[in-house]
Amino acid sequence: MPNKTVSGLSVGQLVTLEIGPVAHGGHFIARYNGNVIFVRHAITGEKAVVRITSVTSKLAHGDAIEILSGSQDRVLPQCEYAGPDGCGGCDFQHISMEAQRILKKFIIQDQFKRIAKIDIEPEFIHVEPENGLHWRTRFDFAISSNGKAGLFSYKTKEVYEIDKCMIAVHKINESDLFTRSWKGFERVEVSVSSLDEIHIRRAGRSISGPSQLHQIVEEEQYIISPNSFWQSHLNAPQTLVGLVMKYMDLKPGDRVCDLYGGVGLFTAPILKKVEEIGEVHLVESDRRCIQDAKKIFRKNRNVIIHSGKVEEKLSNINDIDIVLLDPPRNGAGKGVISKIISKQPRTIMYISCDPASLARDTKLLIDHSYSLDKIIGIDLFPMTHHIECVSSFRRK
């Protein structure tokens, strides 16, 4: 990035700052000569020496490289690679688990106040492992010029080589991923199933492990391609299914839309509730997920699988009682939300991995005859700034 300056700041400069509130994205807000600086590796209330890493005409970013006055919530990172100039995979390894959850709840509230213009008091829950380590089952590792697996440093294309990852499930660290040479490839992808099957691929081609992974969620088994989308936290599927089924208000005979439905994680338990007199429309654009879903539900005549974009396929589905959506990080957006509203479902369940896009879409819903009935934050990405939410909306 060009070495621009604003109010005397320049890239590489060291400034001493009082650290303010947390911001969405893994940063904390500080000010220098009236200008906003987004700081990583700090905590609210601390005094720190910050190295400026980027400057624009409106704001700057920096890393806390020396803590002059530390927070009681500061802990020693479990990972040797966490911190300034290190791996960019984790944002909050320096913060206690209890404090991480308090900060994430605040972020949800802040985004809803700023974007949706409402005050909320979300429930916030965590899942095992309690220590926030060894939960991630899926990775896309970058490969260094030395042929070693690693992760990008924050906001760069520089690969930081690692020999283990503290948030990865043990099966990944026990494999030969970090010891073998991957020269000639840009990335290596790894997936681990709930049965501890491990699949490794590079350049889209399988090099080890089974061609199908077995994912067990309560009483359901999903046999899927390692390339198909699946939740990365080992306990996320069971947690999300439990919450969705609790608040979805399903009845026998309901017609349900499972939007951005993937391989059908939620379709399977929904089927049991709506029974044979009900119907589930699964909409997904990813070809591999569609292939898996068709195999999983090949014997279920009341599952209709739609291959294509949600905004296009939803127009052809009518008489909908309930909508469940689990969109990508940028959310559903005005086009999809407008189509959902036009169908007038009595209940909308919205799973989100970004509180900002969820708040934006919530405003659209509450402006058009829906009320926010429940919102739950879930710490499915401990040590990082990411947050999962499950929300339910009722038609007024």
Protein backbone atom coordinates (compact mmCIF):
# COMPACT_ATOMS: atom_id res chain seq x y z
CA MET A 1 0.00 0.00 0.00
CA PRO A 2 1.32 3.51 -0.77
CA ASN A 3 2.90 5.24 2.20
CA LYS A 4 0.19 7.90 2.49
CA THR A 5 0.08 10.20 5.48
CA VAL A 6 -2.82 11.74 7.35
CA SER A 7 -2.45 14.02 10.35
CA GLY A 8 1.24 13.14 10.57
CA LEU A 9 0.82 9.36 10.44
CA SER A 10 2.83 7.17 8.11
CA VAL A 11 3.35 3.43 7.65
CA GLY A 12 5.94 2.09 10.09
CA GLN A 13 5.52 4.96 12.55
CA LEU A 14 5.28 4.12 16.26
CA VAL A 15 2.64 5.90 18.36
CA THR A 16 1.50 5.43 21.95
CA LEU A 17 -2.26 5.04 22.19
CA GLU A 18 -5.06 4.47 24.67
CA ILE A 19 -7.10 1.53 23.35
CA GLY A 20 -10.85 2.04 23.08
CA PRO A 21 -13.82 -0.24 22.29
CA VAL A 22 -13.74 -3.33 20.10
CA ALA A 23 -14.81 -2.98 16.46
CA HIS A 24 -16.18 -5.57 14.07
CA GLY A 25 -13.33 -7.35 12.29
CA GLY A 26 -10.89 -8.14 15.11
CA HIS A 27 -9.76 -4.57 15.78
CA PHE A 28 -9.96 -2.13 18.64
CA ILE A 29 -10.55 1.56 18.12
CA ALA A 30 -7.99 4.17 19.15
CA ARG A 31 -7.56 7.81 18.18
CA TYR A 32 -4.57 9.94 17.26
CA ASN A 33 -4.94 13.66 16.61
CA GLY A 34 -8.66 13.11 16.13
CA ASN A 35 -8.20 10.33 13.59
CA VAL A 36 -9.38 6.73 13.97
CA ILE A 37 -6.82 3.94 14.16
CA PHE A 38 -7.96 0.30 14.08
CA VAL A 39 -5.56 -1.67 16.28
CA ARG A 40 -4.97 -5.43 16.38
CA HIS A 41 -3.44 -7.41 19.27
CA ALA A 42 -4.72 -4.96 21.88
CA ILE A 43 -7.62 -4.91 24.38
CA THR A 44 -9.95 -2.14 25.49
CA GLY A 45 -8.44 -0.08 28.33
CA GLU A 46 -4.83 -0.86 27.53
CA LYS A 47 -2.07 1.62 26.76
CA ALA A 48 0.11 0.36 23.95
CA VAL A 49 2.86 1.23 21.52
CA VAL A 50 1.29 0.76 18.10
CA ARG A 51 3.11 0.33 14.80
CA ILE A 52 1.14 1.81 11.91
CA THR A 53 0.64 -0.77 9.17
CA SER A 54 -1.56 1.14 6.70
CA VAL A 55 -2.92 4.66 6.23
CA THR A 56 -5.72 5.98 4.06
CA SER A 57 -7.22 9.43 3.74
CA LYS A 58 -9.78 8.57 6.44
CA LEU A 59 -8.23 6.12 8.90
CA ALA A 60 -5.24 3.99 9.77
CA HIS A 61 -4.50 0.45 10.91
CA GLY A 62 -1.84 -0.68 13.33
CA ASP A 63 -0.49 -3.49 15.50
CA ALA A 64 0.09 -3.23 19.24
CA ILE A 65 3.72 -4.28 19.57
CA GLU A 66 4.33 -3.29 23.20
CA ILE A 67 1.79 -3.22 26.02
CA LEU A 68 2.57 -0.44 28.50
CA SER A 69 -0.48 -1.00 30.66
CA GLY A 70 -2.17 -4.36 30.27
CA SER A 71 -5.78 -5.48 30.67
CA GLN A 72 -6.77 -8.08 33.27
CA ASP A 73 -8.27 -9.98 30.33
CA ARG A 74 -4.90 -10.40 28.62
CA VAL A 75 -3.47 -13.92 28.54
CA LEU A 76 -0.41 -15.54 27.01
CA PRO A 77 -1.34 -16.83 23.54
CA GLN A 78 -1.46 -20.62 23.31
CA CYS A 79 0.07 -20.44 19.83
CA GLU A 80 3.66 -19.37 19.22
CA TYR A 81 2.64 -17.94 15.84
CA ALA A 82 -0.04 -15.58 17.18
CA GLY A 83 0.82 -11.88 17.38
CA PRO A 84 2.12 -9.03 15.24
CA ASP A 85 4.05 -10.18 12.14
CA GLY A 86 2.85 -13.73 12.72
CA CYS A 87 0.12 -15.92 11.32
CA GLY A 88 -3.07 -14.07 10.42
CA GLY A 89 -5.42 -16.90 11.32
CA CYS A 90 -6.35 -15.84 14.87
CA ASP A 91 -7.32 -12.40 16.17
CA PHE A 92 -7.93 -12.95 19.89
CA GLN A 93 -5.43 -15.50 21.23
CA HIS A 94 -4.21 -12.82 23.65
CA ILE A 95 -7.67 -12.45 25.24
CA SER A 96 -9.24 -14.77 27.81
CA MET A 97 -12.09 -16.93 26.55
CA GLU A 98 -14.62 -15.27 28.87
CA ALA A 99 -13.61 -11.82 27.64
CA GLN A 100 -13.72 -12.93 23.98
CA ARG A 101 -17.37 -13.89 24.41
CA ILE A 102 -18.25 -10.61 26.12
CA LEU A 103 -16.59 -8.70 23.26
CA LYS A 104 -18.42 -10.73 20.61
CA LYS A 105 -21.78 -10.14 22.29
CA PHE A 106 -20.99 -6.42 22.31
CA ILE A 107 -20.16 -6.53 18.60
CA ILE A 108 -23.54 -8.09 17.80
CA GLN A 109 -25.30 -5.41 19.85
CA ASP A 110 -23.22 -2.63 18.29
CA GLN A 111 -23.89 -3.76 14.72
CA PHE A 112 -27.63 -3.97 15.35
CA LYS A 113 -27.70 -0.53 16.96
CA ARG A 114 -25.72 1.04 14.11
CA ILE A 115 -27.27 -0.76 11.14
CA ALA A 116 -30.68 -2.13 12.17
CA LYS A 117 -31.30 0.84 14.50
CA ILE A 118 -32.55 -1.39 17.31
CA ASP A 119 -31.30 -2.32 20.76
CA ILE A 120 -31.06 -6.06 21.39
CA GLU A 121 -30.01 -8.30 24.24
CA PRO A 122 -28.81 -11.49 22.52
CA GLU A 123 -28.23 -14.71 24.33
CA PHE A 124 -24.60 -15.78 23.78
CA ILE A 125 -23.48 -19.38 24.09
CA HIS A 126 -20.28 -21.33 23.60
CA VAL A 127 -19.62 -24.92 22.66
CA GLU A 128 -16.94 -27.42 23.51
CA PRO A 129 -13.93 -27.38 23.56
CA GLU A 130 -14.18 -24.91 26.44
CA ASN A 131 -10.60 -23.66 25.95
CA GLY A 132 -11.28 -22.57 22.36
CA LEU A 133 -8.60 -24.85 20.88
CA HIS A 134 -8.62 -27.84 18.49
CA TRP A 135 -12.07 -27.26 17.01
CA ARG A 136 -11.47 -26.54 13.33
CA THR A 137 -11.95 -29.44 10.92
CA ARG A 138 -11.43 -27.68 7.59
CA PHE A 139 -8.51 -25.64 6.29
CA ASP A 140 -7.25 -24.13 3.09
CA PHE A 141 -3.50 -23.89 3.70
CA ALA A 142 -1.30 -21.64 1.60
CA ILE A 143 2.08 -22.95 0.39
CA SER A 144 5.27 -20.93 0.83
CA SER A 145 8.07 -20.57 -1.71
CA ASN A 146 9.86 -23.24 0.36
CA GLY A 147 7.03 -25.69 -0.29
CA LYS A 148 5.80 -25.60 3.30
CA ALA A 149 2.19 -25.32 4.47
CA GLY A 150 1.17 -22.19 6.29
CA LEU A 151 -1.32 -19.36 6.53
CA PHE A 152 -1.20 -15.83 5.21
CA SER A 153 -0.03 -13.08 7.50
CA TYR A 154 -2.80 -10.57 8.15
CA LYS A 155 -3.85 -8.63 5.02
CA THR A 156 -0.86 -9.84 3.00
CA LYS A 157 0.01 -12.53 0.48
CA GLU A 158 3.02 -13.51 2.55
CA VAL A 159 2.80 -17.13 3.69
CA TYR A 160 3.71 -17.69 7.32
CA GLU A 161 5.00 -21.25 7.68
CA ILE A 162 3.71 -23.26 10.64
CA ASP A 163 4.34 -26.75 11.98
CA LYS A 164 1.00 -27.03 13.81
CA CYS A 165 -2.20 -25.07 14.34
CA MET A 166 -3.67 -24.71 17.81
CA ILE A 167 -7.25 -24.32 16.60
CA ALA A 168 -7.04 -27.31 14.22
CA VAL A 169 -8.43 -30.65 15.36
CA HIS A 170 -5.73 -33.05 16.50
CA LYS A 171 -6.09 -35.23 13.38
CA ILE A 172 -4.74 -32.39 11.23
CA ASN A 173 -1.73 -31.75 13.45
CA GLU A 174 -0.98 -35.47 13.62
CA SER A 175 -0.89 -35.77 9.81
CA ASP A 176 2.14 -35.09 7.62
CA LEU A 177 0.72 -31.81 6.31
CA PHE A 178 3.36 -29.67 7.96
CA THR A 179 6.37 -31.93 7.42
CA ARG A 180 6.17 -32.80 3.72
CA SER A 181 7.09 -30.61 0.77
CA TRP A 182 4.28 -29.14 -1.33
CA LYS A 183 6.44 -27.41 -3.92
CA GLY A 184 4.69 -26.64 -7.17
CA PHE A 185 1.34 -25.94 -5.54
CA GLU A 186 -0.27 -22.77 -4.23
CA ARG A 187 -2.52 -24.36 -1.63
CA VAL A 188 -3.49 -27.59 0.10
CA GLU A 189 -6.99 -28.27 1.41
CA VAL A 190 -7.81 -30.59 4.27
CA SER A 191 -11.11 -31.89 5.68
CA VAL A 192 -11.73 -34.07 8.73
CA SER A 193 -15.05 -35.85 9.32
CA SER A 194 -16.88 -36.52 12.56
CA LEU A 195 -15.51 -40.09 12.32
CA ASP A 196 -11.94 -38.69 12.16
CA GLU A 197 -11.52 -39.50 8.46
CA ILE A 198 -9.01 -37.08 6.93
CA HIS A 199 -8.96 -36.06 3.29
CA ILE A 200 -6.18 -34.00 1.70
CA ARG A 201 -6.29 -32.49 -1.78
CA ARG A 202 -4.21 -30.07 -3.80
CA ALA A 203 -5.11 -28.20 -6.96
CA GLY A 204 -8.58 -29.69 -6.56
CA ARG A 205 -7.28 -33.28 -6.77
CA SER A 206 -7.46 -35.84 -3.99
CA ILE A 207 -4.08 -37.12 -2.82
CA SER A 208 -5.07 -39.02 0.32
CA GLY A 209 -8.08 -40.10 2.30
CA PRO A 210 -11.53 -41.42 1.39
CA SER A 211 -13.44 -39.94 -1.54
CA GLN A 212 -16.49 -39.57 0.71
CA LEU A 213 -16.63 -38.31 4.29
CA HIS A 214 -19.13 -39.54 6.87
CA GLN A 215 -20.61 -36.75 8.99
CA ILE A 216 -22.79 -37.87 11.91
CA VAL A 217 -25.17 -35.33 13.46
CA GLU A 218 -27.40 -36.79 16.17
CA GLU A 219 -29.35 -39.57 14.40
CA GLU A 220 -28.51 -38.46 10.87
CA GLN A 221 -25.62 -39.55 8.65
CA TYR A 222 -24.45 -37.39 5.74
CA ILE A 223 -22.08 -38.98 3.23
CA ILE A 224 -20.54 -36.07 1.37
CA SER A 225 -17.72 -35.03 -0.90
CA PRO A 226 -14.74 -33.51 0.94
CA ASN A 227 -15.22 -30.49 -1.36
CA SER A 228 -18.82 -29.87 -0.30
CA PHE A 229 -19.53 -27.18 2.26
CA TRP A 230 -19.66 -28.31 5.86
CA GLN A 231 -19.41 -26.33 9.08
CA SER A 232 -15.78 -25.99 10.20
CA HIS A 233 -16.28 -26.26 13.97
CA LEU A 234 -16.51 -29.92 14.90
CA ASN A 235 -19.53 -29.26 17.16
CA ALA A 236 -21.24 -26.65 14.97
CA PRO A 237 -23.62 -28.97 13.05
CA GLN A 238 -25.17 -30.45 16.18
CA THR A 239 -25.36 -27.05 17.91
CA LEU A 240 -26.98 -25.29 14.96
CA VAL A 241 -29.44 -28.09 14.25
CA GLY A 242 -30.50 -28.07 17.89
CA LEU A 243 -31.15 -24.31 17.92
CA VAL A 244 -32.90 -24.25 14.56
CA MET A 245 -35.23 -27.08 15.48
CA LYS A 246 -36.00 -25.47 18.84
CA TYR A 247 -37.11 -22.12 17.43
CA MET A 248 -38.39 -23.02 13.96
CA ASP A 249 -41.96 -23.79 15.07
CA LEU A 250 -42.42 -26.66 12.62
CA LYS A 251 -45.71 -28.47 12.22
CA PRO A 252 -46.72 -31.60 10.28
CA GLY A 253 -47.64 -30.64 6.74
CA ASP A 254 -45.49 -27.48 6.63
CA ARG A 255 -43.87 -26.41 3.37
CA VAL A 256 -40.33 -25.31 4.16
CA CYS A 257 -37.63 -23.58 2.10
CA ASP A 258 -34.05 -24.48 3.05
CA LEU A 259 -32.14 -21.71 1.27
CA TYR A 260 -28.37 -21.94 0.74
CA GLY A 261 -29.06 -25.47 1.94
CA GLY A 262 -25.71 -27.09 1.13
CA VAL A 263 -25.90 -30.88 1.36
CA GLY A 264 -29.05 -30.72 3.49
CA LEU A 265 -27.78 -30.50 7.08
CA PHE A 266 -31.10 -28.96 8.17
CA THR A 267 -33.33 -30.62 5.58
CA ALA A 268 -32.92 -34.05 7.21
CA PRO A 269 -34.23 -33.10 10.70
CA ILE A 270 -36.89 -30.81 9.19
CA LEU A 271 -38.28 -33.78 7.27
CA LYS A 272 -39.03 -35.62 10.50
CA LYS A 273 -41.06 -32.69 11.82
CA VAL A 274 -43.10 -31.95 8.68
CA GLU A 275 -43.64 -35.68 8.13
CA GLU A 276 -44.66 -37.20 4.78
CA ILE A 277 -47.51 -34.70 4.37
CA GLY A 278 -45.04 -31.80 4.43
CA GLU A 279 -42.44 -30.68 1.90
CA VAL A 280 -38.91 -29.27 1.91
CA HIS A 281 -37.44 -27.23 -0.94
CA LEU A 282 -33.64 -27.23 -0.74
CA VAL A 283 -32.01 -24.47 -2.82
CA GLU A 284 -28.25 -24.52 -3.46
CA SER A 285 -25.95 -23.25 -6.21
CA ASP A 286 -22.85 -25.36 -5.53
CA ARG A 287 -22.71 -28.34 -7.90
CA ARG A 288 -20.94 -30.68 -5.48
CA CYS A 289 -23.40 -29.96 -2.69
CA ILE A 290 -26.28 -30.58 -5.06
CA GLN A 291 -24.82 -33.96 -6.08
CA ASP A 292 -24.48 -34.97 -2.43
CA ALA A 293 -27.96 -33.75 -1.52
CA LYS A 294 -29.52 -35.72 -4.37
CA LYS A 295 -27.87 -38.90 -3.06
CA ILE A 296 -28.79 -38.23 0.56
CA PHE A 297 -32.46 -37.55 -0.21
CA ARG A 298 -32.94 -39.85 -3.19
CA LYS A 299 -35.64 -41.83 -1.34
CA ASN A 300 -37.51 -38.76 -0.06
CA ARG A 301 -40.18 -37.76 -2.53
CA ASN A 302 -41.13 -34.71 -0.47
CA VAL A 303 -37.66 -33.15 -0.82
CA ILE A 304 -37.42 -30.98 -3.92
CA ILE A 305 -33.86 -29.95 -4.74
CA HIS A 306 -33.34 -26.76 -6.73
CA SER A 307 -29.93 -26.24 -8.32
CA GLY A 308 -29.20 -22.56 -8.87
CA LYS A 309 -29.12 -19.14 -7.25
CA VAL A 310 -31.58 -18.50 -4.44
CA GLU A 311 -32.80 -15.22 -5.94
CA GLU A 312 -33.77 -17.05 -9.12
CA LYS A 313 -35.19 -20.31 -7.77
CA LEU A 314 -37.20 -18.80 -4.94
CA SER A 315 -39.55 -17.08 -7.40
CA ASN A 316 -40.88 -20.49 -8.47
CA ILE A 317 -41.72 -21.77 -4.98
CA ASN A 318 -45.10 -20.80 -3.52
CA ASP A 319 -47.26 -21.45 -0.44
CA ILE A 320 -44.29 -21.38 1.92
CA ASP A 321 -44.88 -21.72 5.67
CA ILE A 322 -41.31 -21.41 6.91
CA VAL A 323 -38.04 -20.18 5.43
CA LEU A 324 -34.62 -21.16 6.72
CA LEU A 325 -31.60 -19.39 5.24
CA ASP A 326 -27.89 -19.78 5.89
CA PRO A 327 -26.24 -17.42 3.40
CA PRO A 328 -22.54 -16.65 2.90
CA ARG A 329 -20.86 -13.90 4.91
CA ASN A 330 -22.28 -11.05 2.80
CA GLY A 331 -25.80 -12.12 3.76
CA ALA A 332 -28.93 -12.56 1.70
CA GLY A 333 -29.32 -8.93 0.62
CA LYS A 334 -32.30 -6.87 -0.47
CA GLY A 335 -33.22 -8.97 -3.52
CA VAL A 336 -33.51 -12.27 -1.66
CA ILE A 337 -35.08 -10.74 1.46
CA SER A 338 -37.72 -9.01 -0.68
CA LYS A 339 -38.59 -12.31 -2.35
CA ILE A 340 -38.87 -14.04 1.03
CA ILE A 341 -41.14 -11.28 2.36
CA SER A 342 -43.39 -11.58 -0.70
CA LYS A 343 -44.00 -15.26 0.15
CA GLN A 344 -45.27 -14.26 3.62
CA PRO A 345 -43.91 -17.23 5.59
CA ARG A 346 -45.04 -17.24 9.21
CA THR A 347 -41.48 -17.90 10.45
CA ILE A 348 -38.04 -17.04 9.08
CA MET A 349 -34.95 -18.64 10.59
CA TYR A 350 -31.74 -16.85 9.66
CA ILE A 351 -28.30 -18.33 10.35
CA SER A 352 -25.49 -15.82 9.87
CA CYS A 353 -21.72 -15.77 10.20
CA ASP A 354 -21.57 -11.96 10.01
CA PRO A 355 -23.51 -9.70 12.42
CA ALA A 356 -23.23 -6.69 10.09
CA SER A 357 -24.99 -8.33 7.13
CA LEU A 358 -27.49 -9.93 9.53
CA ALA A 359 -28.29 -6.51 11.01
CA ARG A 360 -28.76 -5.05 7.52
CA ASP A 361 -31.16 -7.83 6.50
CA THR A 362 -32.94 -7.64 9.86
CA LYS A 363 -33.79 -4.00 9.20
CA LEU A 364 -35.39 -5.01 5.90
CA LEU A 365 -37.48 -7.65 7.65
CA ILE A 366 -38.67 -5.49 10.55
CA ASP A 367 -39.56 -2.72 8.10
CA HIS A 368 -41.86 -5.18 6.31
CA SER A 369 -44.13 -6.79 8.91
CA TYR A 370 -41.65 -9.12 10.66
CA SER A 371 -40.50 -8.96 14.25
CA LEU A 372 -37.20 -10.24 15.60
CA ASP A 373 -38.36 -12.94 17.99
CA LYS A 374 -35.01 -14.40 19.08
CA ILE A 375 -31.30 -13.89 18.45
CA ILE A 376 -28.54 -16.10 19.78
CA GLY A 377 -24.83 -15.53 19.33
CA ILE A 378 -22.67 -18.65 19.21
CA ASP A 379 -18.91 -18.77 19.60
CA LEU A 380 -18.23 -21.21 16.76
CA PHE A 381 -14.96 -19.46 15.84
CA PRO A 382 -13.03 -19.03 19.12
CA MET A 383 -9.72 -17.17 18.97
CA THR A 384 -10.96 -15.35 15.85
CA HIS A 385 -13.25 -12.34 15.44
CA HIS A 386 -15.90 -14.33 13.59
CA ILE A 387 -19.33 -14.84 15.15
CA GLU A 388 -22.25 -17.12 14.31
CA CYS A 389 -25.84 -16.03 15.00
CA VAL A 390 -29.17 -17.81 14.85
CA SER A 391 -32.21 -15.54 14.60
CA SER A 392 -35.93 -16.18 14.30
CA PHE A 393 -38.48 -13.77 12.85
CA ARG A 394 -42.26 -13.94 13.07
CA ARG A 395 -44.77 -12.34 10.75
CA LYS A 396 -46.87 -9.76 12.59
